[in-house]
Amino acid sequence: MRADLFDQETGQLAGSSSDSVSVENDLYHGDWDNFVGSVPGGDMTQTSLWTRLKRASGMRTHRVVLRIDGVIAGGAQLLARPVPVLGAVAYLPYGPLARPGLDDGIIARLVQLLCAECRRSRIRALFVQPPEGGERIANALRVARFRPADTEVAPPASLRLDLRLGTEDLVAQMTKHKRAEFRRGQRDPVSVRFGTRADLESFHDLHSISAARKGYEPTPLPYLKAMWDELHPTDQVAVLVASTEDIDVSGVLVTRYADVVTDRLRGFAVDRVPRSAAPAGTTSAASVAPTRSRLRAVPQTQAPIHPPDRTATRSPWAERL
């Protein structure tokens, strides 16, 4: 879709009395957040709450909202940052989103509108990771000449656990190796606690050790603190820390949005525990039950593990603009 579909003064979609599109970059946007929480595949990374977190880290937000007869029917929240030489680059985690029942033509138009906003804002490249169950979104991206890319826009969920099941039922569904690791973790003399804001420094230390071992950049501590301050008042974030002999050895940071808990970050210090211990298994074993009760008995949890499961609809797509 051409950039001139935007009225340059109002930001509205030209040529339609019932449809409108606008760029709404409010830090607090209740209507948009309600939409994200009501549609399939809605994720925390598409909410205005995530906008506030990312702006604090220097990113710009472009929230494209498509309305039909005044009601939000679709849209996406792009996050952009300048890149030396190339210019501004944007990524779109778990989007765009659309209400069920929209025809393919409207979904295709939504993808075209995103490209129009990128051109209007002089964004040179857009990386998109479709939402869970986003087959039609992926098809629209393909038609719009996006191509699959290896860039990881957001951690894909390669393991989903239904927390309505009892612990034994969950264990029964594991592979033999994972089941043995889980059982071993239950036997280890390791305690797991729900951390406070004061535990973020210890968790970040563990996370940084894992990052150095695996060769990626750790999430900065100030960002973790900002995330905690934004999410903890509404019980949407938790840190679990495993320790042995009063020494923290492993940790996991999870977030909750709607009925899904997402395993966001992990870390453990291999050299702090006896070789016979399994810190990762211990953290997993000890966290299932308290996560179920503490985070309001949510039906499912997503836990990214390596290597990620890249399916046709979940792989990132890229377009040079």
C-alpha atoms as a PDB file:
ATOM      1  CA  MET A   1       0.000   0.000   0.000  1.00  0.00           C
ATOM      2  CA  ARG A   2       1.335   3.416  -0.902  1.00  0.00           C
ATOM      3  CA  ALA A   3       2.261   5.930   1.777  1.00  0.00           C
ATOM      4  CA  ASP A   4      -0.236   8.386   0.265  1.00  0.00           C
ATOM      5  CA  LEU A   5      -3.056   6.286   1.740  1.00  0.00           C
ATOM      6  CA  PHE A   6      -2.306   8.294   4.877  1.00  0.00           C
ATOM      7  CA  ASP A   7      -3.734  11.783   5.012  1.00  0.00           C
ATOM      8  CA  GLN A   8      -0.557  13.720   5.824  1.00  0.00           C
ATOM      9  CA  GLU A   9      -2.376  16.093   8.197  1.00  0.00           C
ATOM     10  CA  THR A  10      -4.683  13.733  10.090  1.00  0.00           C
ATOM     11  CA  GLY A  11      -2.810  10.430   9.753  1.00  0.00           C
ATOM     12  CA  GLN A  12      -6.096   8.806   8.734  1.00  0.00           C
ATOM     13  CA  LEU A  13      -6.635   6.293   5.935  1.00  0.00           C
ATOM     14  CA  ALA A  14      -7.766   8.125   2.834  1.00  0.00           C
ATOM     15  CA  GLY A  15     -10.632   7.057   0.632  1.00  0.00           C
ATOM     16  CA  SER A  16     -12.919   5.274   3.113  1.00  0.00           C
ATOM     17  CA  SER A  17     -15.740   6.455   5.316  1.00  0.00           C
ATOM     18  CA  SER A  18     -15.910   3.335   7.499  1.00  0.00           C
ATOM     19  CA  ASP A  19     -12.200   2.471   7.771  1.00  0.00           C
ATOM     20  CA  SER A  20      -9.476   4.587   9.316  1.00  0.00           C
ATOM     21  CA  VAL A  21      -5.877   4.024  10.274  1.00  0.00           C
ATOM     22  CA  SER A  22      -3.880   6.160  12.638  1.00  0.00           C
ATOM     23  CA  VAL A  23      -0.532   6.081  14.378  1.00  0.00           C
ATOM     24  CA  GLU A  24      -1.300   6.255  18.091  1.00  0.00           C
ATOM     25  CA  ASN A  25       1.872   6.314  20.159  1.00  0.00           C
ATOM     26  CA  ASP A  26       0.311   7.055  23.542  1.00  0.00           C
ATOM     27  CA  LEU A  27       2.266   5.731  26.520  1.00  0.00           C
ATOM     28  CA  TYR A  28      -1.049   4.632  28.049  1.00  0.00           C
ATOM     29  CA  HIS A  29      -3.646   3.324  25.577  1.00  0.00           C
ATOM     30  CA  GLY A  30      -6.481   1.441  27.234  1.00  0.00           C
ATOM     31  CA  ASP A  31      -8.457   0.725  24.046  1.00  0.00           C
ATOM     32  CA  TRP A  32      -5.431  -0.769  22.336  1.00  0.00           C
ATOM     33  CA  ASP A  33      -4.465  -2.826  25.381  1.00  0.00           C
ATOM     34  CA  ASN A  34      -8.021  -4.197  25.623  1.00  0.00           C
ATOM     35  CA  PHE A  35      -7.840  -5.153  21.950  1.00  0.00           C
ATOM     36  CA  VAL A  36      -4.490  -6.939  22.407  1.00  0.00           C
ATOM     37  CA  GLY A  37      -5.861  -8.878  25.361  1.00  0.00           C
ATOM     38  CA  SER A  38      -8.999  -9.952  23.484  1.00  0.00           C
ATOM     39  CA  VAL A  39      -7.595 -11.351  20.230  1.00  0.00           C
ATOM     40  CA  PRO A  40      -5.828 -14.666  19.540  1.00  0.00           C
ATOM     41  CA  GLY A  41      -2.059 -14.376  19.823  1.00  0.00           C
ATOM     42  CA  GLY A  42      -2.129 -11.179  21.898  1.00  0.00           C
ATOM     43  CA  ASP A  43       1.123 -10.770  23.797  1.00  0.00           C
ATOM     44  CA  MET A  44       2.548  -8.382  26.367  1.00  0.00           C
ATOM     45  CA  THR A  45       5.073  -7.116  23.801  1.00  0.00           C
ATOM     46  CA  GLN A  46       2.188  -5.510  21.884  1.00  0.00           C
ATOM     47  CA  THR A  47       0.788  -3.524  24.819  1.00  0.00           C
ATOM     48  CA  SER A  48       1.363   0.101  25.752  1.00  0.00           C
ATOM     49  CA  LEU A  49       3.037  -1.207  28.900  1.00  0.00           C
ATOM     50  CA  TRP A  50       5.800  -2.643  26.690  1.00  0.00           C
ATOM     51  CA  THR A  51       6.002   0.707  24.926  1.00  0.00           C
ATOM     52  CA  ARG A  52       6.886   2.380  28.196  1.00  0.00           C
ATOM     53  CA  LEU A  53       9.613  -0.164  28.889  1.00  0.00           C
ATOM     54  CA  LYS A  54      11.164   0.093  25.449  1.00  0.00           C
ATOM     55  CA  ARG A  55      11.051   3.870  25.299  1.00  0.00           C
ATOM     56  CA  ALA A  56      12.996   3.937  28.551  1.00  0.00           C
ATOM     57  CA  SER A  57      15.733   1.986  26.734  1.00  0.00           C
ATOM     58  CA  GLY A  58      15.848   4.455  23.845  1.00  0.00           C
ATOM     59  CA  MET A  59      13.558   2.813  21.302  1.00  0.00           C
ATOM     60  CA  ARG A  60      10.825   4.576  19.318  1.00  0.00           C
ATOM     61  CA  THR A  61       7.305   3.174  19.054  1.00  0.00           C
ATOM     62  CA  HIS A  62       5.051   3.196  16.002  1.00  0.00           C
ATOM     63  CA  ARG A  63       1.596   1.851  16.866  1.00  0.00           C
ATOM     64  CA  VAL A  64      -0.522   1.477  13.731  1.00  0.00           C
ATOM     65  CA  VAL A  65      -4.222   1.059  14.550  1.00  0.00           C
ATOM     66  CA  LEU A  66      -6.840   0.043  11.969  1.00  0.00           C
ATOM     67  CA  ARG A  67     -10.470   0.758  12.844  1.00  0.00           C
ATOM     68  CA  ILE A  68     -13.614  -0.388  11.071  1.00  0.00           C
ATOM     69  CA  ASP A  69     -16.719   1.606  11.956  1.00  0.00           C
ATOM     70  CA  GLY A  70     -14.841   3.125  14.863  1.00  0.00           C
ATOM     71  CA  VAL A  71     -13.849  -0.217  16.436  1.00  0.00           C
ATOM     72  CA  ILE A  72     -10.246  -1.480  16.486  1.00  0.00           C
ATOM     73  CA  ALA A  73     -10.057  -4.365  14.029  1.00  0.00           C
ATOM     74  CA  GLY A  74      -6.310  -4.796  13.734  1.00  0.00           C
ATOM     75  CA  GLY A  75      -2.956  -3.208  14.166  1.00  0.00           C
ATOM     76  CA  ALA A  76       0.609  -3.590  15.304  1.00  0.00           C
ATOM     77  CA  GLN A  77       3.156  -1.987  17.574  1.00  0.00           C
ATOM     78  CA  LEU A  78       6.546  -1.555  15.912  1.00  0.00           C
ATOM     79  CA  LEU A  79       9.694  -0.866  17.894  1.00  0.00           C
ATOM     80  CA  ALA A  80      12.421   1.050  16.081  1.00  0.00           C
ATOM     81  CA  ARG A  81      15.981   2.091  16.756  1.00  0.00           C
ATOM     82  CA  PRO A  82      18.685   3.767  14.666  1.00  0.00           C
ATOM     83  CA  VAL A  83      21.429   1.534  13.270  1.00  0.00           C
ATOM     84  CA  PRO A  84      24.736   2.976  12.046  1.00  0.00           C
ATOM     85  CA  VAL A  85      25.015   3.222   8.240  1.00  0.00           C
ATOM     86  CA  LEU A  86      21.726   1.410   7.572  1.00  0.00           C
ATOM     87  CA  GLY A  87      19.413   3.912   9.274  1.00  0.00           C
ATOM     88  CA  ALA A  88      16.340   3.159  11.400  1.00  0.00           C
ATOM     89  CA  VAL A  89      15.362  -0.511  11.736  1.00  0.00           C
ATOM     90  CA  ALA A  90      12.061  -1.725  13.236  1.00  0.00           C
ATOM     91  CA  TYR A  91      10.963  -5.042  14.621  1.00  0.00           C
ATOM     92  CA  LEU A  92       7.467  -6.312  15.271  1.00  0.00           C
ATOM     93  CA  PRO A  93       7.177  -9.045  17.919  1.00  0.00           C
ATOM     94  CA  TYR A  94       4.037 -11.207  17.879  1.00  0.00           C
ATOM     95  CA  GLY A  95       2.106  -9.119  15.398  1.00  0.00           C
ATOM     96  CA  PRO A  96       0.330  -7.736  13.526  1.00  0.00           C
ATOM     97  CA  LEU A  97      -2.874  -8.648  15.339  1.00  0.00           C
ATOM     98  CA  ALA A  98      -6.356  -8.905  13.847  1.00  0.00           C
ATOM     99  CA  ARG A  99      -9.811  -9.683  15.127  1.00  0.00           C
ATOM    100  CA  PRO A 100     -11.153 -13.142  14.198  1.00  0.00           C
ATOM    101  CA  GLY A 101     -13.361 -13.166  11.130  1.00  0.00           C
ATOM    102  CA  LEU A 102     -11.575 -10.467   9.131  1.00  0.00           C
ATOM    103  CA  ASP A 103     -11.264 -11.393   5.477  1.00  0.00           C
ATOM    104  CA  ASP A 104      -7.914 -11.921   3.828  1.00  0.00           C
ATOM    105  CA  GLY A 105      -8.167  -8.607   2.004  1.00  0.00           C
ATOM    106  CA  ILE A 106      -8.241  -6.627   5.259  1.00  0.00           C
ATOM    107  CA  ILE A 107      -5.316  -8.611   6.668  1.00  0.00           C
ATOM    108  CA  ALA A 108      -3.349  -7.922   3.479  1.00  0.00           C
ATOM    109  CA  ARG A 109      -4.207  -4.241   3.795  1.00  0.00           C
ATOM    110  CA  LEU A 110      -2.988  -4.259   7.394  1.00  0.00           C
ATOM    111  CA  VAL A 111       0.423  -5.550   6.256  1.00  0.00           C
ATOM    112  CA  GLN A 112       0.538  -2.877   3.552  1.00  0.00           C
ATOM    113  CA  LEU A 113      -0.285  -0.192   6.094  1.00  0.00           C
ATOM    114  CA  LEU A 114       2.699  -1.247   8.195  1.00  0.00           C
ATOM    115  CA  CYS A 115       4.950  -0.848   5.177  1.00  0.00           C
ATOM    116  CA  ALA A 116       3.430   2.564   4.484  1.00  0.00           C
ATOM    117  CA  GLU A 117       4.137   3.704   8.039  1.00  0.00           C
ATOM    118  CA  CYS A 118       7.723   2.489   7.789  1.00  0.00           C
ATOM    119  CA  ARG A 119       8.253   4.451   4.590  1.00  0.00           C
ATOM    120  CA  ARG A 120       6.592   7.514   6.096  1.00  0.00           C
ATOM    121  CA  SER A 121       8.897   7.277   9.115  1.00  0.00           C
ATOM    122  CA  ARG A 122      12.002   6.473   7.017  1.00  0.00           C
ATOM    123  CA  ILE A 123      12.464   3.039   8.529  1.00  0.00           C
ATOM    124  CA  ARG A 124      14.798   1.107   6.241  1.00  0.00           C
ATOM    125  CA  ALA A 125      14.050  -2.468   7.325  1.00  0.00           C
ATOM    126  CA  LEU A 126      11.204  -4.204   9.147  1.00  0.00           C
ATOM    127  CA  PHE A 127      11.523  -7.578  10.912  1.00  0.00           C
ATOM    128  CA  VAL A 128       8.233  -9.292  11.789  1.00  0.00           C
ATOM    129  CA  GLN A 129       7.546 -12.307  13.983  1.00  0.00           C
ATOM    130  CA  PRO A 130       3.872 -13.307  13.533  1.00  0.00           C
ATOM    131  CA  PRO A 131       1.706 -14.059  16.574  1.00  0.00           C
ATOM    132  CA  GLU A 132       0.885 -17.545  17.792  1.00  0.00           C
ATOM    133  CA  GLY A 133      -1.490 -19.107  15.275  1.00  0.00           C
ATOM    134  CA  GLY A 134      -0.690 -16.410  12.714  1.00  0.00           C
ATOM    135  CA  GLU A 135      -0.863 -18.518   9.544  1.00  0.00           C
ATOM    136  CA  ARG A 136      -2.928 -15.929   7.686  1.00  0.00           C
ATOM    137  CA  ILE A 137      -0.559 -13.166   8.785  1.00  0.00           C
ATOM    138  CA  ALA A 138       2.386 -15.193   7.488  1.00  0.00           C
ATOM    139  CA  ASN A 139       0.628 -15.698   4.156  1.00  0.00           C
ATOM    140  CA  ALA A 140      -0.043 -11.959   3.864  1.00  0.00           C
ATOM    141  CA  LEU A 141       3.619 -11.229   4.606  1.00  0.00           C
ATOM    142  CA  ARG A 142       4.677 -13.665   1.906  1.00  0.00           C
ATOM    143  CA  VAL A 143       2.352 -12.040  -0.651  1.00  0.00           C
ATOM    144  CA  ALA A 144       3.765  -8.630   0.346  1.00  0.00           C
ATOM    145  CA  ARG A 145       7.217  -9.995  -0.601  1.00  0.00           C
ATOM    146  CA  PHE A 146       8.575 -10.360   2.909  1.00  0.00           C
ATOM    147  CA  ARG A 147      11.044 -13.206   3.150  1.00  0.00           C
ATOM    148  CA  PRO A 148      12.011 -15.550   6.001  1.00  0.00           C
ATOM    149  CA  ALA A 149      14.998 -14.365   8.046  1.00  0.00           C
ATOM    150  CA  ASP A 150      17.255 -15.891  10.679  1.00  0.00           C
ATOM    151  CA  THR A 151      17.000 -12.845  12.957  1.00  0.00           C
ATOM    152  CA  GLU A 152      15.240 -13.712  16.216  1.00  0.00           C
ATOM    153  CA  VAL A 153      12.713 -10.913  16.812  1.00  0.00           C
ATOM    154  CA  ALA A 154      11.234 -12.464  19.951  1.00  0.00           C
ATOM    155  CA  PRO A 155      11.932 -15.769  21.739  1.00  0.00           C
ATOM    156  CA  PRO A 156       9.775 -18.441  20.084  1.00  0.00           C
ATOM    157  CA  ALA A 157       7.973 -20.815  22.414  1.00  0.00           C
ATOM    158  CA  SER A 158       9.227 -24.333  21.848  1.00  0.00           C
ATOM    159  CA  LEU A 159       7.562 -25.799  24.914  1.00  0.00           C
ATOM    160  CA  ARG A 160       4.046 -25.169  26.204  1.00  0.00           C
ATOM    161  CA  LEU A 161       2.863 -26.517  29.545  1.00  0.00           C
ATOM    162  CA  ASP A 162      -0.794 -26.659  30.566  1.00  0.00           C
ATOM    163  CA  LEU A 163      -0.685 -25.670  34.252  1.00  0.00           C
ATOM    164  CA  ARG A 164      -4.212 -26.916  34.806  1.00  0.00           C
ATOM    165  CA  LEU A 165      -2.618 -30.372  34.896  1.00  0.00           C
ATOM    166  CA  GLY A 166      -1.064 -31.749  38.046  1.00  0.00           C
ATOM    167  CA  THR A 167       2.705 -31.985  38.369  1.00  0.00           C
ATOM    168  CA  GLU A 168       2.728 -35.757  37.802  1.00  0.00           C
ATOM    169  CA  ASP A 169       0.668 -35.387  34.622  1.00  0.00           C
ATOM    170  CA  LEU A 170       3.142 -32.797  33.337  1.00  0.00           C
ATOM    171  CA  VAL A 171       6.105 -35.025  34.191  1.00  0.00           C
ATOM    172  CA  ALA A 172       4.498 -37.950  32.361  1.00  0.00           C
ATOM    173  CA  GLN A 173       4.477 -35.907  29.138  1.00  0.00           C
ATOM    174  CA  MET A 174       8.236 -35.198  29.272  1.00  0.00           C
ATOM    175  CA  THR A 175      10.881 -37.091  27.348  1.00  0.00           C
ATOM    176  CA  LYS A 176      12.773 -39.732  29.298  1.00  0.00           C
ATOM    177  CA  HIS A 177      15.845 -37.475  29.593  1.00  0.00           C
ATOM    178  CA  LYS A 178      13.877 -34.439  30.765  1.00  0.00           C
ATOM    179  CA  ARG A 179      11.866 -36.541  33.191  1.00  0.00           C
ATOM    180  CA  ALA A 180      15.073 -37.880  34.754  1.00  0.00           C
ATOM    181  CA  GLU A 181      16.498 -34.353  35.016  1.00  0.00           C
ATOM    182  CA  PHE A 182      13.288 -33.124  36.632  1.00  0.00           C
ATOM    183  CA  ARG A 183      13.263 -35.976  39.172  1.00  0.00           C
ATOM    184  CA  ARG A 184      16.899 -35.368  39.922  1.00  0.00           C
ATOM    185  CA  GLY A 185      16.129 -31.714  40.532  1.00  0.00           C
ATOM    186  CA  GLN A 186      13.458 -32.668  43.056  1.00  0.00           C
ATOM    187  CA  ARG A 187      16.042 -34.667  45.024  1.00  0.00           C
ATOM    188  CA  ASP A 188      18.792 -32.031  45.015  1.00  0.00           C
ATOM    189  CA  PRO A 189      19.387 -30.097  48.270  1.00  0.00           C
ATOM    190  CA  VAL A 190      18.471 -26.826  46.569  1.00  0.00           C
ATOM    191  CA  SER A 191      15.815 -24.353  47.703  1.00  0.00           C
ATOM    192  CA  VAL A 192      13.876 -22.044  45.381  1.00  0.00           C
ATOM    193  CA  ARG A 193      12.396 -18.726  46.452  1.00  0.00           C
ATOM    194  CA  PHE A 194      10.293 -16.028  44.836  1.00  0.00           C
ATOM    195  CA  GLY A 195      12.675 -13.104  44.697  1.00  0.00           C
ATOM    196  CA  THR A 196      12.122  -9.446  45.505  1.00  0.00           C
ATOM    197  CA  ARG A 197      13.459  -6.394  43.699  1.00  0.00           C
ATOM    198  CA  ALA A 198      16.595  -6.751  45.810  1.00  0.00           C
ATOM    199  CA  ASP A 199      17.222 -10.171  44.217  1.00  0.00           C
ATOM    200  CA  LEU A 200      17.439  -8.706  40.713  1.00  0.00           C
ATOM    201  CA  GLU A 201      21.173  -8.055  41.110  1.00  0.00           C
ATOM    202  CA  SER A 202      21.849 -11.675  42.016  1.00  0.00           C
ATOM    203  CA  PHE A 203      19.633 -12.868  39.159  1.00  0.00           C
ATOM    204  CA  HIS A 204      21.398 -10.519  36.751  1.00  0.00           C
ATOM    205  CA  ASP A 205      24.744 -11.925  37.857  1.00  0.00           C
ATOM    206  CA  LEU A 206      23.530 -15.447  37.051  1.00  0.00           C
ATOM    207  CA  HIS A 207      22.027 -14.270  33.768  1.00  0.00           C
ATOM    208  CA  SER A 208      25.301 -12.565  32.788  1.00  0.00           C
ATOM    209  CA  ILE A 209      27.275 -15.729  33.546  1.00  0.00           C
ATOM    210  CA  SER A 210      24.986 -17.709  31.228  1.00  0.00           C
ATOM    211  CA  ALA A 211      25.233 -14.999  28.550  1.00  0.00           C
ATOM    212  CA  ALA A 212      29.026 -15.097  28.632  1.00  0.00           C
ATOM    213  CA  ARG A 213      29.019 -18.877  28.442  1.00  0.00           C
ATOM    214  CA  LYS A 214      26.607 -18.983  25.484  1.00  0.00           C
ATOM    215  CA  GLY A 215      27.910 -15.903  23.670  1.00  0.00           C
ATOM    216  CA  TYR A 216      25.053 -13.392  23.780  1.00  0.00           C
ATOM    217  CA  GLU A 217      24.566  -9.965  25.336  1.00  0.00           C
ATOM    218  CA  PRO A 218      22.862 -10.062  28.747  1.00  0.00           C
ATOM    219  CA  THR A 219      19.830  -7.903  29.421  1.00  0.00           C
ATOM    220  CA  PRO A 220      21.048  -4.787  31.303  1.00  0.00           C
ATOM    221  CA  LEU A 221      20.284  -4.579  35.018  1.00  0.00           C
ATOM    222  CA  PRO A 222      18.600  -1.124  34.730  1.00  0.00           C
ATOM    223  CA  TYR A 223      16.186  -2.633  32.203  1.00  0.00           C
ATOM    224  CA  LEU A 224      15.361  -5.511  34.577  1.00  0.00           C
ATOM    225  CA  LYS A 225      14.657  -2.995  37.342  1.00  0.00           C
ATOM    226  CA  ALA A 226      12.456  -0.926  35.030  1.00  0.00           C
ATOM    227  CA  MET A 227      10.569  -4.087  34.046  1.00  0.00           C
ATOM    228  CA  TRP A 228      10.083  -4.987  37.689  1.00  0.00           C
ATOM    229  CA  ASP A 229       8.828  -1.514  38.610  1.00  0.00           C
ATOM    230  CA  GLU A 230       6.366  -1.540  35.714  1.00  0.00           C
ATOM    231  CA  LEU A 231       5.048  -5.097  36.011  1.00  0.00           C
ATOM    232  CA  HIS A 232       5.330  -6.136  39.634  1.00  0.00           C
ATOM    233  CA  PRO A 233       2.559  -3.881  41.030  1.00  0.00           C
ATOM    234  CA  THR A 234       0.063  -5.851  38.898  1.00  0.00           C
ATOM    235  CA  ASP A 235       1.686  -9.237  39.635  1.00  0.00           C
ATOM    236  CA  GLN A 236       2.856  -9.662  36.041  1.00  0.00           C
ATOM    237  CA  VAL A 237       6.490 -10.506  36.719  1.00  0.00           C
ATOM    238  CA  ALA A 238       8.271 -12.891  39.062  1.00  0.00           C
ATOM    239  CA  VAL A 239      11.860 -13.958  39.665  1.00  0.00           C
ATOM    240  CA  LEU A 240      12.623 -17.416  41.041  1.00  0.00           C
ATOM    241  CA  VAL A 241      16.100 -18.002  42.455  1.00  0.00           C
ATOM    242  CA  ALA A 242      17.551 -21.406  43.366  1.00  0.00           C
ATOM    243  CA  SER A 243      20.250 -21.581  46.006  1.00  0.00           C
ATOM    244  CA  THR A 244      22.350 -24.208  47.737  1.00  0.00           C
ATOM    245  CA  GLU A 245      24.185 -23.617  50.992  1.00  0.00           C
ATOM    246  CA  ASP A 246      23.018 -19.962  50.843  1.00  0.00           C
ATOM    247  CA  ILE A 247      24.665 -19.444  47.430  1.00  0.00           C
ATOM    248  CA  ASP A 248      22.449 -18.497  44.476  1.00  0.00           C
ATOM    249  CA  VAL A 249      23.102 -20.899  41.623  1.00  0.00           C
ATOM    250  CA  SER A 250      20.203 -20.587  39.195  1.00  0.00           C
ATOM    251  CA  GLY A 251      17.312 -18.291  38.379  1.00  0.00           C
ATOM    252  CA  VAL A 252      14.458 -17.600  35.986  1.00  0.00           C
ATOM    253  CA  LEU A 253      12.435 -14.464  35.252  1.00  0.00           C
ATOM    254  CA  VAL A 254       8.870 -14.982  34.060  1.00  0.00           C
ATOM    255  CA  THR A 255       6.106 -12.610  32.993  1.00  0.00           C
ATOM    256  CA  ARG A 256       2.340 -13.124  32.983  1.00  0.00           C
ATOM    257  CA  TYR A 257      -0.062 -11.700  30.420  1.00  0.00           C
ATOM    258  CA  ALA A 258      -3.711 -12.766  30.201  1.00  0.00           C
ATOM    259  CA  ASP A 259      -3.692 -16.575  30.629  1.00  0.00           C
ATOM    260  CA  VAL A 260      -0.055 -17.194  29.661  1.00  0.00           C
ATOM    261  CA  VAL A 261       3.138 -17.197  31.708  1.00  0.00           C
ATOM    262  CA  THR A 262       6.277 -16.694  29.615  1.00  0.00           C
ATOM    263  CA  ASP A 263       9.754 -17.801  30.639  1.00  0.00           C
ATOM    264  CA  ARG A 264      11.704 -14.669  29.577  1.00  0.00           C
ATOM    265  CA  LEU A 265      15.225 -14.963  30.978  1.00  0.00           C
ATOM    266  CA  ARG A 266      17.340 -17.591  32.696  1.00  0.00           C
ATOM    267  CA  GLY A 267      20.762 -17.909  34.210  1.00  0.00           C
ATOM    268  CA  PHE A 268      22.869 -20.271  36.257  1.00  0.00           C
ATOM    269  CA  ALA A 269      26.441 -20.593  37.417  1.00  0.00           C
ATOM    270  CA  VAL A 270      27.618 -24.106  36.641  1.00  0.00           C
ATOM    271  CA  ASP A 271      30.737 -23.856  38.785  1.00  0.00           C
ATOM    272  CA  ARG A 272      28.797 -22.926  41.924  1.00  0.00           C
ATOM    273  CA  VAL A 273      27.120 -26.303  42.337  1.00  0.00           C
ATOM    274  CA  PRO A 274      28.391 -29.861  42.809  1.00  0.00           C
ATOM    275  CA  ARG A 275      28.680 -31.867  39.604  1.00  0.00           C
ATOM    276  CA  SER A 276      26.016 -34.227  40.843  1.00  0.00           C
ATOM    277  CA  ALA A 277      23.455 -31.439  41.105  1.00  0.00           C
ATOM    278  CA  ALA A 278      21.162 -30.263  38.299  1.00  0.00           C
ATOM    279  CA  PRO A 279      20.436 -26.561  38.939  1.00  0.00           C
ATOM    280  CA  ALA A 280      18.319 -26.057  35.842  1.00  0.00           C
ATOM    281  CA  GLY A 281      16.253 -29.127  36.637  1.00  0.00           C
ATOM    282  CA  THR A 282      15.974 -28.030  40.258  1.00  0.00           C
ATOM    283  CA  THR A 283      14.634 -24.622  39.290  1.00  0.00           C
ATOM    284  CA  SER A 284      12.101 -26.188  36.923  1.00  0.00           C
ATOM    285  CA  ALA A 285      11.009 -28.798  39.438  1.00  0.00           C
ATOM    286  CA  ALA A 286      10.612 -26.364  42.292  1.00  0.00           C
ATOM    287  CA  SER A 287       8.932 -23.625  40.275  1.00  0.00           C
ATOM    288  CA  VAL A 288       6.007 -25.460  38.676  1.00  0.00           C
ATOM    289  CA  ALA A 289       3.800 -25.650  41.757  1.00  0.00           C
ATOM    290  CA  PRO A 290       4.465 -22.157  43.161  1.00  0.00           C
ATOM    291  CA  THR A 291       4.172 -20.602  39.694  1.00  0.00           C
ATOM    292  CA  ARG A 292       0.773 -22.236  39.320  1.00  0.00           C
ATOM    293  CA  SER A 293      -0.463 -20.816  42.636  1.00  0.00           C
ATOM    294  CA  ARG A 294       1.414 -17.504  42.783  1.00  0.00           C
ATOM    295  CA  LEU A 295       0.582 -16.379  39.252  1.00  0.00           C
ATOM    296  CA  ARG A 296      -3.135 -17.054  39.568  1.00  0.00           C
ATOM    297  CA  ALA A 297      -3.317 -20.577  38.175  1.00  0.00           C
ATOM    298  CA  VAL A 298      -2.814 -19.525  34.562  1.00  0.00           C
ATOM    299  CA  PRO A 299      -3.689 -22.252  32.032  1.00  0.00           C
ATOM    300  CA  GLN A 300      -0.447 -22.216  30.034  1.00  0.00           C
ATOM    301  CA  THR A 301       3.185 -21.271  30.234  1.00  0.00           C
ATOM    302  CA  GLN A 302       5.647 -20.742  27.412  1.00  0.00           C
ATOM    303  CA  ALA A 303       9.277 -21.658  27.997  1.00  0.00           C
ATOM    304  CA  PRO A 304      11.815 -20.851  25.297  1.00  0.00           C
ATOM    305  CA  ILE A 305      14.593 -23.457  25.152  1.00  0.00           C
ATOM    306  CA  HIS A 306      17.509 -23.921  22.759  1.00  0.00           C
ATOM    307  CA  PRO A 307      17.406 -24.676  19.930  1.00  0.00           C
ATOM    308  CA  PRO A 308      14.086 -22.866  19.282  1.00  0.00           C
ATOM    309  CA  ASP A 309      11.383 -24.543  17.274  1.00  0.00           C
ATOM    310  CA  ARG A 310      11.116 -22.510  14.056  1.00  0.00           C
ATOM    311  CA  THR A 311       7.851 -23.253  12.271  1.00  0.00           C
ATOM    312  CA  ALA A 312       6.592 -21.661   9.093  1.00  0.00           C
ATOM    313  CA  THR A 313       4.248 -19.303  10.906  1.00  0.00           C
ATOM    314  CA  ARG A 314       6.528 -18.441  13.800  1.00  0.00           C
ATOM    315  CA  SER A 315       9.727 -17.666  11.897  1.00  0.00           C
ATOM    316  CA  PRO A 316      10.666 -13.993  11.585  1.00  0.00           C
ATOM    317  CA  TRP A 317      10.061 -12.280   8.265  1.00  0.00           C
ATOM    318  CA  ALA A 318      12.072  -9.354   6.928  1.00  0.00           C
ATOM    319  CA  GLU A 319      11.540  -6.647   4.355  1.00  0.00           C
ATOM    320  CA  ARG A 320      13.867  -3.921   3.126  1.00  0.00           C
ATOM    321  CA  LEU A 321      11.830  -0.749   2.680  1.00  0.00           C
END
